[in-house]
Amino acid sequence: MTDSENQWTEYWSNEGAGGEVFVNRQGEKHPKLREYWQEALSGLPEGTRILDLACGAGSIYRDIASASSGYRLAAADLSEKATQQLKDQMPAVETIVCSADDVPEASGAFDMVVSQFGVEYAGHAGLQEAMRLVAASGQLRLLCHIEDGFIDDRNQRELAGLKLIRDTGFIDHAISVTSETASRNEASAKAAVEAFTSIEPEVAAFVAKNPHGFHSHLYQGFRTMFCNRQRYRTSDIVGWLEAMREEQAKAETRIGEIRGATLSKDDIDQLRARLEAENFRDISIREFTLPEYTQPVAWAIHATRP
């Protein structure tokens, strides 16, 4: 298993255990996303074969009332953990563990291929594979990450926070000030405090301006424990900080992959050209927006094969 597969398997075991990767402020799937897929998947002929490519834990299919809706549902993802979560909730769904750019199905095997924040992780090859799998008279319908949109902007700021934590050595300084303060060695404690206070204001200012993300969780969590350190064992604070160091590396990898999957306007122009070359018709590519955000959330891509 590659590092990327391990990272996403762990994600679906923890943060993504609820099945959603983009939620509203209440931690639930945004109703406009639900409406989008309910409309897209309604009124299709009985027996329609649908593939959710790079399905994760099956966010799209959760918008269908039941797996016995008359459709033949299949879902493919690199993470066996994610597909198993979907299978546990919707046993009738056929699950396939594979990369989005190499699906072990015949060309034209599906009447509809869908994906939400998934297929673009496999790059141009994944998008080409999605096209290959669409049958004659079938549909391709995707929601893909958009460069400089709401999600990408948030991820850029979170990566900046992660970089600041790394560049300032915040975790090392926090461990040092925790350990040296507890040691009761006045000289070493003073040196550790001075070193920490030389970098802390920069991190605090960034957190104040960007209150969401790993950087904020780390900073606020450490501040709470250190200010109340008489209630904690020093080893527990240090252990938490070391665990955060591991989580930082994972977060940088995962968010970096999401950023790398975003589609620019040039990417979209190339995709449109490839769709036309593959003889798709009624091609619609637009920015998908949500009422509470000024920036678009995704590219909404829809095309049909004659």
Protein backbone atom coordinates (compact mmCIF):
# COMPACT_ATOMS: atom_id res chain seq x y z
CA MET A 1 0.00 0.00 0.00
CA THR A 2 1.38 3.42 -0.96
CA ASP A 3 1.75 6.30 1.50
CA SER A 4 -1.20 8.01 -0.18
CA GLU A 5 -3.39 4.91 0.20
CA ASN A 6 -2.39 4.63 3.86
CA GLN A 7 -3.19 8.29 4.46
CA TRP A 8 -6.66 8.05 2.94
CA THR A 9 -7.41 4.72 4.61
CA GLU A 10 -6.58 6.34 7.94
CA TYR A 11 -8.69 9.37 6.99
CA TRP A 12 -11.76 7.22 6.31
CA SER A 13 -11.15 5.41 9.59
CA ASN A 14 -11.11 8.67 11.58
CA GLU A 15 -12.12 12.14 10.31
CA GLY A 16 -14.03 10.77 7.33
CA ALA A 17 -15.85 8.05 9.24
CA GLY A 18 -19.12 9.95 8.80
CA GLY A 19 -18.85 9.57 5.04
CA GLU A 20 -18.63 13.25 4.10
CA VAL A 21 -15.58 15.33 3.18
CA PHE A 22 -17.36 18.67 2.73
CA VAL A 23 -19.91 19.69 5.33
CA ASN A 24 -21.73 22.84 6.40
CA ARG A 25 -21.22 24.70 9.67
CA GLN A 26 -23.40 22.15 11.46
CA GLY A 27 -21.12 19.31 10.36
CA GLU A 28 -23.70 17.92 7.93
CA LYS A 29 -23.72 17.50 4.17
CA HIS A 30 -24.76 20.79 2.63
CA PRO A 31 -28.42 20.60 1.52
CA LYS A 32 -27.56 22.12 -1.87
CA LEU A 33 -25.14 19.26 -2.54
CA ARG A 34 -27.84 16.81 -1.56
CA GLU A 35 -30.34 18.54 -3.85
CA TYR A 36 -27.84 18.49 -6.72
CA TRP A 37 -27.40 14.72 -6.58
CA GLN A 38 -31.03 13.94 -5.86
CA GLU A 39 -32.00 15.84 -9.01
CA ALA A 40 -29.21 14.24 -11.06
CA LEU A 41 -30.16 10.72 -9.98
CA SER A 42 -33.94 11.02 -10.16
CA GLY A 43 -36.20 9.82 -12.93
CA LEU A 44 -33.68 7.48 -14.58
CA PRO A 45 -34.93 4.26 -16.16
CA GLU A 46 -35.10 1.20 -13.96
CA GLY A 47 -31.94 -0.86 -14.31
CA THR A 48 -29.72 2.18 -15.01
CA ARG A 49 -26.15 1.19 -14.14
CA ILE A 50 -24.32 3.96 -12.28
CA LEU A 51 -20.69 4.14 -11.18
CA ASP A 52 -19.50 6.50 -8.45
CA LEU A 53 -15.82 6.85 -9.33
CA ALA A 54 -13.44 7.65 -6.46
CA CYS A 55 -16.50 7.28 -4.24
CA GLY A 56 -14.94 7.63 -0.80
CA ALA A 57 -17.49 6.36 1.70
CA GLY A 58 -20.37 6.92 -0.72
CA SER A 59 -21.58 10.48 -0.15
CA ILE A 60 -23.45 10.55 -3.47
CA TYR A 61 -25.38 7.32 -2.93
CA ARG A 62 -26.49 8.43 0.51
CA ASP A 63 -28.76 10.82 -1.38
CA ILE A 64 -30.71 7.95 -2.93
CA ALA A 65 -33.57 6.75 -0.74
CA SER A 66 -32.39 3.14 -0.85
CA ALA A 67 -30.20 0.81 -2.85
CA SER A 68 -33.38 -0.90 -4.08
CA SER A 69 -34.35 2.17 -6.10
CA GLY A 70 -34.22 0.16 -9.27
CA TYR A 71 -30.75 1.36 -10.25
CA ARG A 72 -27.71 -0.91 -10.43
CA LEU A 73 -25.19 0.92 -8.29
CA ALA A 74 -21.43 0.42 -8.35
CA ALA A 75 -18.75 2.35 -6.48
CA ALA A 76 -14.97 2.37 -6.97
CA ASP A 77 -12.28 3.75 -4.69
CA LEU A 78 -8.63 3.21 -3.87
CA SER A 79 -9.46 2.79 -0.17
CA GLU A 80 -10.90 -0.57 0.84
CA LYS A 81 -11.86 1.00 4.18
CA ALA A 82 -14.01 3.60 2.43
CA THR A 83 -15.77 1.12 0.15
CA GLN A 84 -16.45 -1.17 3.11
CA GLN A 85 -18.15 1.69 4.96
CA LEU A 86 -20.39 2.19 1.94
CA LYS A 87 -21.04 -1.56 1.63
CA ASP A 88 -21.99 -1.78 5.30
CA GLN A 89 -24.63 0.93 4.84
CA MET A 90 -25.82 -0.07 1.37
CA PRO A 91 -25.17 -3.81 0.88
CA ALA A 92 -26.68 -3.83 -2.62
CA VAL A 93 -23.96 -1.54 -3.98
CA GLU A 94 -21.23 -3.33 -5.93
CA THR A 95 -17.89 -2.07 -4.62
CA ILE A 96 -14.60 -2.10 -6.52
CA VAL A 97 -11.24 -1.38 -4.90
CA CYS A 98 -9.09 0.25 -7.58
CA SER A 99 -7.44 3.46 -8.71
CA ALA A 100 -9.73 5.93 -10.47
CA ASP A 101 -7.51 5.80 -13.56
CA ASP A 102 -7.62 2.00 -13.87
CA VAL A 103 -11.10 0.55 -13.35
CA PRO A 104 -11.43 -3.16 -14.21
CA GLU A 105 -14.59 -2.67 -16.25
CA ALA A 106 -15.22 -2.67 -19.99
CA SER A 107 -15.48 0.56 -21.95
CA GLY A 108 -19.05 1.84 -21.95
CA ALA A 109 -20.00 -0.33 -18.97
CA PHE A 110 -22.10 2.33 -17.22
CA ASP A 111 -25.10 4.42 -18.15
CA MET A 112 -23.92 7.15 -15.80
CA VAL A 113 -20.52 7.88 -14.24
CA VAL A 114 -20.55 10.30 -11.31
CA SER A 115 -17.97 11.65 -8.88
CA GLN A 116 -17.88 14.23 -6.11
CA PHE A 117 -14.45 15.58 -5.15
CA GLY A 118 -12.85 12.32 -6.21
CA VAL A 119 -11.90 11.49 -9.78
CA GLU A 120 -9.69 14.59 -10.17
CA TYR A 121 -7.21 13.12 -7.67
CA ALA A 122 -6.17 10.74 -10.44
CA GLY A 123 -5.45 13.70 -12.73
CA HIS A 124 -6.15 13.77 -16.45
CA ALA A 125 -5.92 9.97 -16.58
CA GLY A 126 -8.77 9.67 -14.07
CA LEU A 127 -10.97 12.03 -16.07
CA GLN A 128 -10.17 10.10 -19.24
CA GLU A 129 -11.10 6.84 -17.49
CA ALA A 130 -14.42 8.34 -16.44
CA MET A 131 -15.16 9.17 -20.07
CA ARG A 132 -14.18 5.67 -21.22
CA LEU A 133 -16.67 4.03 -18.89
CA VAL A 134 -19.73 5.98 -20.14
CA ALA A 135 -22.01 3.96 -22.40
CA ALA A 136 -23.70 5.19 -25.57
CA SER A 137 -26.56 7.53 -24.59
CA GLY A 138 -24.99 7.69 -21.12
CA GLN A 139 -24.06 10.63 -18.90
CA LEU A 140 -20.99 11.94 -17.17
CA ARG A 141 -21.68 14.12 -14.13
CA LEU A 142 -18.88 15.39 -11.87
CA LEU A 143 -18.31 17.88 -9.09
CA CYS A 144 -14.56 18.60 -9.03
CA HIS A 145 -12.29 20.77 -6.89
CA ILE A 146 -11.89 24.25 -8.36
CA GLU A 147 -8.65 26.22 -8.16
CA ASP A 148 -8.92 29.31 -5.91
CA GLY A 149 -12.46 28.39 -4.92
CA PHE A 150 -13.78 28.28 -1.35
CA ILE A 151 -12.27 24.90 -0.48
CA ASP A 152 -8.95 25.63 -2.18
CA ASP A 153 -8.66 29.02 -0.49
CA ARG A 154 -9.26 27.39 2.89
CA ASN A 155 -6.67 24.72 2.13
CA GLN A 156 -4.11 27.31 1.03
CA ARG A 157 -4.50 29.07 4.37
CA GLU A 158 -4.27 25.81 6.28
CA LEU A 159 -1.09 24.83 4.43
CA ALA A 160 0.34 28.26 5.26
CA GLY A 161 -0.44 27.59 8.91
CA LEU A 162 1.19 24.17 8.78
CA LYS A 163 4.27 25.69 7.14
CA LEU A 164 4.44 28.38 9.85
CA ILE A 165 4.28 25.73 12.58
CA ARG A 166 7.11 23.86 10.90
CA ASP A 167 9.27 26.88 10.06
CA THR A 168 9.05 28.39 13.55
CA GLY A 169 9.74 25.04 15.22
CA PHE A 170 6.63 25.65 17.33
CA ILE A 171 6.29 22.05 18.52
CA ASP A 172 9.96 21.76 19.49
CA HIS A 173 9.78 25.05 21.38
CA ALA A 174 6.54 24.01 23.08
CA ILE A 175 8.08 20.71 24.22
CA SER A 176 11.17 22.51 25.46
CA VAL A 177 9.27 25.15 27.44
CA THR A 178 7.03 22.48 28.94
CA SER A 179 9.90 20.21 29.98
CA GLU A 180 12.27 22.94 31.20
CA THR A 181 9.60 24.75 33.18
CA ALA A 182 8.84 21.50 34.97
CA SER A 183 12.54 20.82 35.63
CA ARG A 184 12.79 23.75 38.10
CA ASN A 185 16.16 24.67 36.60
CA GLU A 186 15.78 28.44 36.49
CA ALA A 187 18.45 29.07 33.84
CA SER A 188 17.21 26.45 31.38
CA ALA A 189 13.57 27.36 32.02
CA LYS A 190 14.30 31.03 31.36
CA ALA A 191 16.12 30.19 28.11
CA ALA A 192 13.25 27.96 26.97
CA VAL A 193 10.66 30.64 27.77
CA GLU A 194 12.63 33.28 25.88
CA ALA A 195 12.99 30.99 22.87
CA PHE A 196 9.27 30.18 22.88
CA THR A 197 8.18 33.79 23.30
CA SER A 198 10.38 34.77 20.35
CA ILE A 199 8.17 32.75 17.97
CA GLU A 200 4.80 32.61 19.77
CA PRO A 201 3.48 36.06 18.74
CA GLU A 202 3.80 35.23 15.04
CA VAL A 203 1.85 32.01 15.47
CA ALA A 204 -0.73 33.72 17.70
CA ALA A 205 -1.28 36.45 15.10
CA PHE A 206 -1.78 33.90 12.33
CA VAL A 207 -4.25 31.92 14.44
CA ALA A 208 -6.18 35.09 15.26
CA LYS A 209 -6.53 35.84 11.55
CA ASN A 210 -7.11 32.20 10.55
CA PRO A 211 -8.96 30.54 13.43
CA HIS A 212 -9.69 27.23 11.70
CA GLY A 213 -7.33 24.40 10.88
CA PHE A 214 -4.58 22.29 12.39
CA HIS A 215 -2.47 25.32 13.36
CA SER A 216 -5.31 26.71 15.49
CA HIS A 217 -6.07 23.34 17.10
CA LEU A 218 -2.39 22.91 17.99
CA TYR A 219 -1.87 26.44 19.28
CA GLN A 220 -5.06 26.65 21.31
CA GLY A 221 -4.68 23.13 22.66
CA PHE A 222 -1.12 23.72 23.83
CA ARG A 223 -1.99 27.11 25.30
CA THR A 224 -4.81 25.59 27.35
CA MET A 225 -2.63 22.77 28.67
CA PHE A 226 0.38 24.95 29.42
CA CYS A 227 -1.65 27.62 31.22
CA ASN A 228 -3.21 24.84 33.30
CA ARG A 229 -0.09 22.65 33.50
CA GLN A 230 -0.53 21.99 37.20
CA ARG A 231 -3.48 19.78 36.18
CA TYR A 232 -1.42 17.73 33.73
CA ARG A 233 1.61 15.50 33.90
CA THR A 234 4.48 16.91 31.90
CA SER A 235 4.73 13.62 30.01
CA ASP A 236 1.10 13.93 28.93
CA ILE A 237 1.63 17.41 27.45
CA VAL A 238 4.82 16.31 25.70
CA GLY A 239 3.10 13.15 24.45
CA TRP A 240 0.24 15.20 23.02
CA LEU A 241 2.70 17.50 21.26
CA GLU A 242 4.57 14.54 19.75
CA ALA A 243 1.27 13.12 18.52
CA MET A 244 0.49 16.50 16.97
CA ARG A 245 3.83 16.36 15.14
CA GLU A 246 2.69 13.14 13.45
CA GLU A 247 -0.71 14.62 12.68
CA GLN A 248 0.96 17.68 11.15
CA ALA A 249 2.85 15.55 8.65
CA LYS A 250 -0.32 13.68 7.70
CA ALA A 251 -2.30 16.90 7.33
CA GLU A 252 0.34 18.43 5.07
CA THR A 253 0.29 15.36 2.83
CA ARG A 254 -3.49 15.13 2.62
CA ILE A 255 -4.15 18.84 2.09
CA GLY A 256 -1.30 19.00 -0.41
CA GLU A 257 -2.97 16.22 -2.40
CA ILE A 258 -6.28 18.07 -2.36
CA ARG A 259 -4.59 21.22 -3.61
CA GLY A 260 -2.85 19.22 -6.32
CA ALA A 261 -6.21 17.87 -7.49
CA THR A 262 -7.81 21.28 -8.08
CA LEU A 263 -8.76 22.07 -11.66
CA SER A 264 -7.82 25.44 -13.11
CA LYS A 265 -9.58 27.17 -16.00
CA ASP A 266 -6.86 25.85 -18.31
CA ASP A 267 -7.54 22.33 -17.03
CA ILE A 268 -11.23 22.84 -17.73
CA ASP A 269 -10.50 24.05 -21.27
CA GLN A 270 -8.45 20.90 -21.85
CA LEU A 271 -11.21 18.75 -20.39
CA ARG A 272 -13.80 20.35 -22.66
CA ALA A 273 -11.57 19.67 -25.66
CA ARG A 274 -11.17 16.01 -24.64
CA LEU A 275 -14.92 15.63 -24.14
CA GLU A 276 -15.50 17.03 -27.63
CA ALA A 277 -12.82 14.73 -29.04
CA GLU A 278 -14.61 11.78 -27.41
CA ASN A 279 -17.82 12.91 -29.14
CA PHE A 280 -19.64 13.90 -25.95
CA ARG A 281 -22.52 16.30 -26.50
CA ASP A 282 -24.52 18.81 -24.43
CA ILE A 283 -21.36 19.68 -22.53
CA SER A 284 -22.02 21.93 -19.54
CA ILE A 285 -19.18 23.13 -17.31
CA ARG A 286 -20.02 25.79 -14.75
CA GLU A 287 -18.96 27.04 -11.36
CA PHE A 288 -20.98 25.40 -8.60
CA THR A 289 -21.79 27.91 -5.87
CA LEU A 290 -23.43 27.78 -2.45
CA PRO A 291 -25.43 30.73 -1.08
CA GLU A 292 -23.27 31.44 1.97
CA TYR A 293 -19.93 31.55 0.14
CA THR A 294 -18.72 34.23 -2.24
CA GLN A 295 -16.28 31.82 -3.92
CA PRO A 296 -17.38 28.81 -5.98
CA VAL A 297 -17.14 25.42 -4.30
CA ALA A 298 -16.62 23.19 -7.36
CA TRP A 299 -16.71 22.78 -11.09
CA ALA A 300 -20.03 21.19 -12.09
CA ILE A 301 -19.40 19.08 -15.20
CA HIS A 302 -22.14 17.38 -17.20
CA ALA A 303 -21.95 15.76 -20.63
CA THR A 304 -23.75 13.04 -22.58
CA ARG A 305 -22.45 10.46 -25.02
CA PRO A 306 -24.59 10.07 -28.17
